[in-house]
Amino acid sequence: MNSDNNILEKLDHKDGMTVPEGYFDNFAARMAASLPEAEWEKKPKVLPRSFWDKVRPYVYLAAMFAGIWCMMSLVDVFKSSSTDAMFDNNKILAQAFDDDTYMLDYFVTEGELSDTDLLDDLYDSGFDPESLLNSNIQ
């Protein structure tokens, strides 16, 4: 690019924003020296710590561990209640689970109980298929 086509060189760069030489070299030190010292900077004020201020972190820590212990004991209560305890406390529920038709209607879905499982269950309970043949004849 030649100098005839450079627009920036044609403009006068004097916009009135000039700073004397070396003005910013020690600016921070001059500014700190010219400002008055604030009262809070002169003497540090140390507040005395009360007994509660000293003990508070340990009390909070103890409360946290007590809360964890309560949660763990609550989990243990729910975990220890097994299905046997549930049946002992609720006789109607125990009676419903003993009823085969209830179990087949509400808990055994299609495909879960195969024909061989059903026949094995019938034979295990003492069912004799010949009793069906004899009852149909009479």
C-alpha atoms as a PDB file:
ATOM      1  CA  MET A   1       0.000   0.000   0.000  1.00  0.00           C
ATOM      2  CA  ASN A   2       1.443   3.328  -0.909  1.00  0.00           C
ATOM      3  CA  SER A   3       1.179   6.446   1.232  1.00  0.00           C
ATOM      4  CA  ASP A   4      -1.305   8.181  -1.069  1.00  0.00           C
ATOM      5  CA  ASN A   5      -3.955   5.530  -0.455  1.00  0.00           C
ATOM      6  CA  ASN A   6      -3.501   5.331   3.367  1.00  0.00           C
ATOM      7  CA  ILE A   7      -6.365   7.293   4.898  1.00  0.00           C
ATOM      8  CA  LEU A   8      -4.994   7.135   8.445  1.00  0.00           C
ATOM      9  CA  GLU A   9      -1.892   9.044   7.477  1.00  0.00           C
ATOM     10  CA  LYS A  10      -3.997  11.806   5.935  1.00  0.00           C
ATOM     11  CA  LEU A  11      -5.899  12.396   9.204  1.00  0.00           C
ATOM     12  CA  ASP A  12      -4.488  14.467  12.028  1.00  0.00           C
ATOM     13  CA  HIS A  13      -4.150  12.183  15.045  1.00  0.00           C
ATOM     14  CA  LYS A  14      -4.346  15.014  17.583  1.00  0.00           C
ATOM     15  CA  ASP A  15      -7.647  14.551  19.415  1.00  0.00           C
ATOM     16  CA  GLY A  16      -6.729  16.418  22.616  1.00  0.00           C
ATOM     17  CA  MET A  17      -6.137  13.312  24.709  1.00  0.00           C
ATOM     18  CA  THR A  18      -2.478  13.633  25.562  1.00  0.00           C
ATOM     19  CA  VAL A  19      -0.601  12.692  28.732  1.00  0.00           C
ATOM     20  CA  PRO A  20       2.763  14.078  29.844  1.00  0.00           C
ATOM     21  CA  GLU A  21       5.757  11.805  29.517  1.00  0.00           C
ATOM     22  CA  GLY A  22       6.195   9.341  32.444  1.00  0.00           C
ATOM     23  CA  TYR A  23       2.810  10.211  33.987  1.00  0.00           C
ATOM     24  CA  PHE A  24       1.751   6.598  34.567  1.00  0.00           C
ATOM     25  CA  ASP A  25       5.199   5.350  35.676  1.00  0.00           C
ATOM     26  CA  ASN A  26       4.626   5.941  39.408  1.00  0.00           C
ATOM     27  CA  PHE A  27       0.918   6.757  39.304  1.00  0.00           C
ATOM     28  CA  ALA A  28      -0.109   4.174  41.972  1.00  0.00           C
ATOM     29  CA  ALA A  29       2.427   5.449  44.515  1.00  0.00           C
ATOM     30  CA  ARG A  30       1.433   9.099  43.983  1.00  0.00           C
ATOM     31  CA  MET A  31      -2.267   8.256  44.260  1.00  0.00           C
ATOM     32  CA  ALA A  32      -1.779   6.315  47.534  1.00  0.00           C
ATOM     33  CA  ALA A  33       0.256   9.218  48.979  1.00  0.00           C
ATOM     34  CA  SER A  34      -2.377  11.794  48.080  1.00  0.00           C
ATOM     35  CA  LEU A  35      -5.346   9.936  49.623  1.00  0.00           C
ATOM     36  CA  PRO A  36      -5.971  10.313  53.366  1.00  0.00           C
ATOM     37  CA  GLU A  37      -5.721   7.166  55.441  1.00  0.00           C
ATOM     38  CA  ALA A  38      -9.117   5.813  56.526  1.00  0.00           C
ATOM     39  CA  GLU A  39      -9.833   5.112  60.182  1.00  0.00           C
ATOM     40  CA  TRP A  40     -10.372   1.412  59.645  1.00  0.00           C
ATOM     41  CA  GLU A  41      -6.907   1.190  58.089  1.00  0.00           C
ATOM     42  CA  LYS A  42      -5.132   2.833  61.050  1.00  0.00           C
ATOM     43  CA  LYS A  43      -5.862   0.379  63.847  1.00  0.00           C
ATOM     44  CA  PRO A  44      -7.190  -3.108  63.348  1.00  0.00           C
ATOM     45  CA  LYS A  45     -10.104  -3.875  65.634  1.00  0.00           C
ATOM     46  CA  VAL A  46     -10.152  -7.440  66.902  1.00  0.00           C
ATOM     47  CA  LEU A  47     -13.487  -8.514  68.288  1.00  0.00           C
ATOM     48  CA  PRO A  48     -13.337 -10.859  71.260  1.00  0.00           C
ATOM     49  CA  ARG A  49     -14.711 -14.296  70.528  1.00  0.00           C
ATOM     50  CA  SER A  50     -17.489 -15.433  72.804  1.00  0.00           C
ATOM     51  CA  PHE A  51     -17.891 -18.964  74.114  1.00  0.00           C
ATOM     52  CA  TRP A  52     -20.585 -19.658  71.507  1.00  0.00           C
ATOM     53  CA  ASP A  53     -18.306 -18.486  68.688  1.00  0.00           C
ATOM     54  CA  LYS A  54     -15.669 -20.963  69.836  1.00  0.00           C
ATOM     55  CA  VAL A  55     -18.039 -23.908  70.368  1.00  0.00           C
ATOM     56  CA  ARG A  56     -20.410 -23.370  67.415  1.00  0.00           C
ATOM     57  CA  PRO A  57     -18.470 -25.411  64.789  1.00  0.00           C
ATOM     58  CA  TYR A  58     -18.336 -28.411  67.121  1.00  0.00           C
ATOM     59  CA  VAL A  59     -22.050 -28.144  67.945  1.00  0.00           C
ATOM     60  CA  TYR A  60     -22.870 -28.038  64.241  1.00  0.00           C
ATOM     61  CA  LEU A  61     -20.651 -31.049  63.615  1.00  0.00           C
ATOM     62  CA  ALA A  62     -22.348 -32.993  66.415  1.00  0.00           C
ATOM     63  CA  ALA A  63     -25.783 -32.052  65.037  1.00  0.00           C
ATOM     64  CA  MET A  64     -24.748 -33.260  61.593  1.00  0.00           C
ATOM     65  CA  PHE A  65     -23.637 -36.642  62.946  1.00  0.00           C
ATOM     66  CA  ALA A  66     -26.832 -36.930  65.017  1.00  0.00           C
ATOM     67  CA  GLY A  67     -28.870 -36.298  61.850  1.00  0.00           C
ATOM     68  CA  ILE A  68     -26.915 -38.949  59.961  1.00  0.00           C
ATOM     69  CA  TRP A  69     -27.465 -41.415  62.798  1.00  0.00           C
ATOM     70  CA  CYS A  70     -31.223 -40.687  62.771  1.00  0.00           C
ATOM     71  CA  MET A  71     -31.408 -41.224  59.009  1.00  0.00           C
ATOM     72  CA  MET A  72     -29.503 -44.499  59.251  1.00  0.00           C
ATOM     73  CA  SER A  73     -31.740 -45.768  62.054  1.00  0.00           C
ATOM     74  CA  LEU A  74     -34.794 -44.842  59.985  1.00  0.00           C
ATOM     75  CA  VAL A  75     -33.410 -46.766  57.010  1.00  0.00           C
ATOM     76  CA  ASP A  76     -32.768 -49.705  59.316  1.00  0.00           C
ATOM     77  CA  VAL A  77     -36.386 -49.634  60.529  1.00  0.00           C
ATOM     78  CA  PHE A  78     -37.681 -49.808  56.972  1.00  0.00           C
ATOM     79  CA  LYS A  79     -35.160 -52.457  55.981  1.00  0.00           C
ATOM     80  CA  SER A  80     -35.938 -54.725  58.931  1.00  0.00           C
ATOM     81  CA  SER A  81     -39.664 -54.801  58.183  1.00  0.00           C
ATOM     82  CA  SER A  82     -39.703 -57.869  55.980  1.00  0.00           C
ATOM     83  CA  THR A  83     -42.683 -59.497  54.332  1.00  0.00           C
ATOM     84  CA  ASP A  84     -43.034 -61.961  57.220  1.00  0.00           C
ATOM     85  CA  ALA A  85     -43.570 -59.121  59.664  1.00  0.00           C
ATOM     86  CA  MET A  86     -46.014 -57.566  57.212  1.00  0.00           C
ATOM     87  CA  PHE A  87     -48.068 -60.775  57.134  1.00  0.00           C
ATOM     88  CA  ASP A  88     -47.969 -61.132  60.924  1.00  0.00           C
ATOM     89  CA  ASN A  89     -49.434 -57.668  61.387  1.00  0.00           C
ATOM     90  CA  ASN A  90     -52.055 -57.915  58.643  1.00  0.00           C
ATOM     91  CA  LYS A  91     -54.120 -61.119  58.673  1.00  0.00           C
ATOM     92  CA  ILE A  92     -56.260 -60.073  55.694  1.00  0.00           C
ATOM     93  CA  LEU A  93     -53.168 -59.635  53.548  1.00  0.00           C
ATOM     94  CA  ALA A  94     -51.832 -63.010  54.650  1.00  0.00           C
ATOM     95  CA  GLN A  95     -55.159 -64.635  53.815  1.00  0.00           C
ATOM     96  CA  ALA A  96     -55.205 -62.979  50.369  1.00  0.00           C
ATOM     97  CA  PHE A  97     -51.720 -64.257  49.541  1.00  0.00           C
ATOM     98  CA  ASP A  98     -52.733 -67.776  50.595  1.00  0.00           C
ATOM     99  CA  ASP A  99     -55.621 -67.716  48.105  1.00  0.00           C
ATOM    100  CA  ASP A 100     -54.448 -69.152  44.774  1.00  0.00           C
ATOM    101  CA  THR A 101     -57.092 -67.408  42.674  1.00  0.00           C
ATOM    102  CA  TYR A 102     -56.067 -64.029  44.101  1.00  0.00           C
ATOM    103  CA  MET A 103     -52.438 -64.696  43.317  1.00  0.00           C
ATOM    104  CA  LEU A 104     -53.212 -65.913  39.786  1.00  0.00           C
ATOM    105  CA  ASP A 105     -55.509 -62.964  39.063  1.00  0.00           C
ATOM    106  CA  TYR A 106     -53.334 -60.170  40.405  1.00  0.00           C
ATOM    107  CA  PHE A 107     -49.719 -61.299  40.507  1.00  0.00           C
ATOM    108  CA  VAL A 108     -49.110 -63.969  37.877  1.00  0.00           C
ATOM    109  CA  THR A 109     -49.118 -62.441  34.412  1.00  0.00           C
ATOM    110  CA  GLU A 110     -49.431 -64.254  31.121  1.00  0.00           C
ATOM    111  CA  GLY A 111     -46.332 -66.114  30.114  1.00  0.00           C
ATOM    112  CA  GLU A 112     -44.982 -66.122  33.651  1.00  0.00           C
ATOM    113  CA  LEU A 113     -46.599 -69.435  34.595  1.00  0.00           C
ATOM    114  CA  SER A 114     -46.068 -72.107  31.986  1.00  0.00           C
ATOM    115  CA  ASP A 115     -48.153 -75.259  31.624  1.00  0.00           C
ATOM    116  CA  THR A 116     -45.388 -77.427  33.027  1.00  0.00           C
ATOM    117  CA  ASP A 117     -45.102 -75.162  36.080  1.00  0.00           C
ATOM    118  CA  LEU A 118     -48.842 -75.422  36.593  1.00  0.00           C
ATOM    119  CA  LEU A 119     -48.824 -79.217  36.265  1.00  0.00           C
ATOM    120  CA  ASP A 120     -45.826 -79.501  38.602  1.00  0.00           C
ATOM    121  CA  ASP A 121     -47.639 -77.358  41.143  1.00  0.00           C
ATOM    122  CA  LEU A 122     -50.768 -79.521  40.863  1.00  0.00           C
ATOM    123  CA  TYR A 123     -48.794 -82.760  41.293  1.00  0.00           C
ATOM    124  CA  ASP A 124     -46.872 -81.314  44.230  1.00  0.00           C
ATOM    125  CA  SER A 125     -50.133 -80.397  45.954  1.00  0.00           C
ATOM    126  CA  GLY A 126     -51.383 -83.986  45.573  1.00  0.00           C
ATOM    127  CA  PHE A 127     -53.746 -83.542  42.644  1.00  0.00           C
ATOM    128  CA  ASP A 128     -54.664 -86.738  40.827  1.00  0.00           C
ATOM    129  CA  PRO A 129     -55.765 -86.249  37.176  1.00  0.00           C
ATOM    130  CA  GLU A 130     -57.779 -89.477  37.290  1.00  0.00           C
ATOM    131  CA  SER A 131     -60.138 -87.849  39.769  1.00  0.00           C
ATOM    132  CA  LEU A 132     -61.308 -85.580  36.929  1.00  0.00           C
ATOM    133  CA  LEU A 133     -62.012 -88.554  34.713  1.00  0.00           C
ATOM    134  CA  ASN A 134     -63.975 -90.315  37.447  1.00  0.00           C
ATOM    135  CA  SER A 135     -66.027 -87.219  38.275  1.00  0.00           C
ATOM    136  CA  ASN A 136     -67.035 -86.738  34.609  1.00  0.00           C
ATOM    137  CA  ILE A 137     -68.275 -90.339  34.294  1.00  0.00           C
ATOM    138  CA  GLN A 138     -70.622 -90.213  37.245  1.00  0.00           C
END
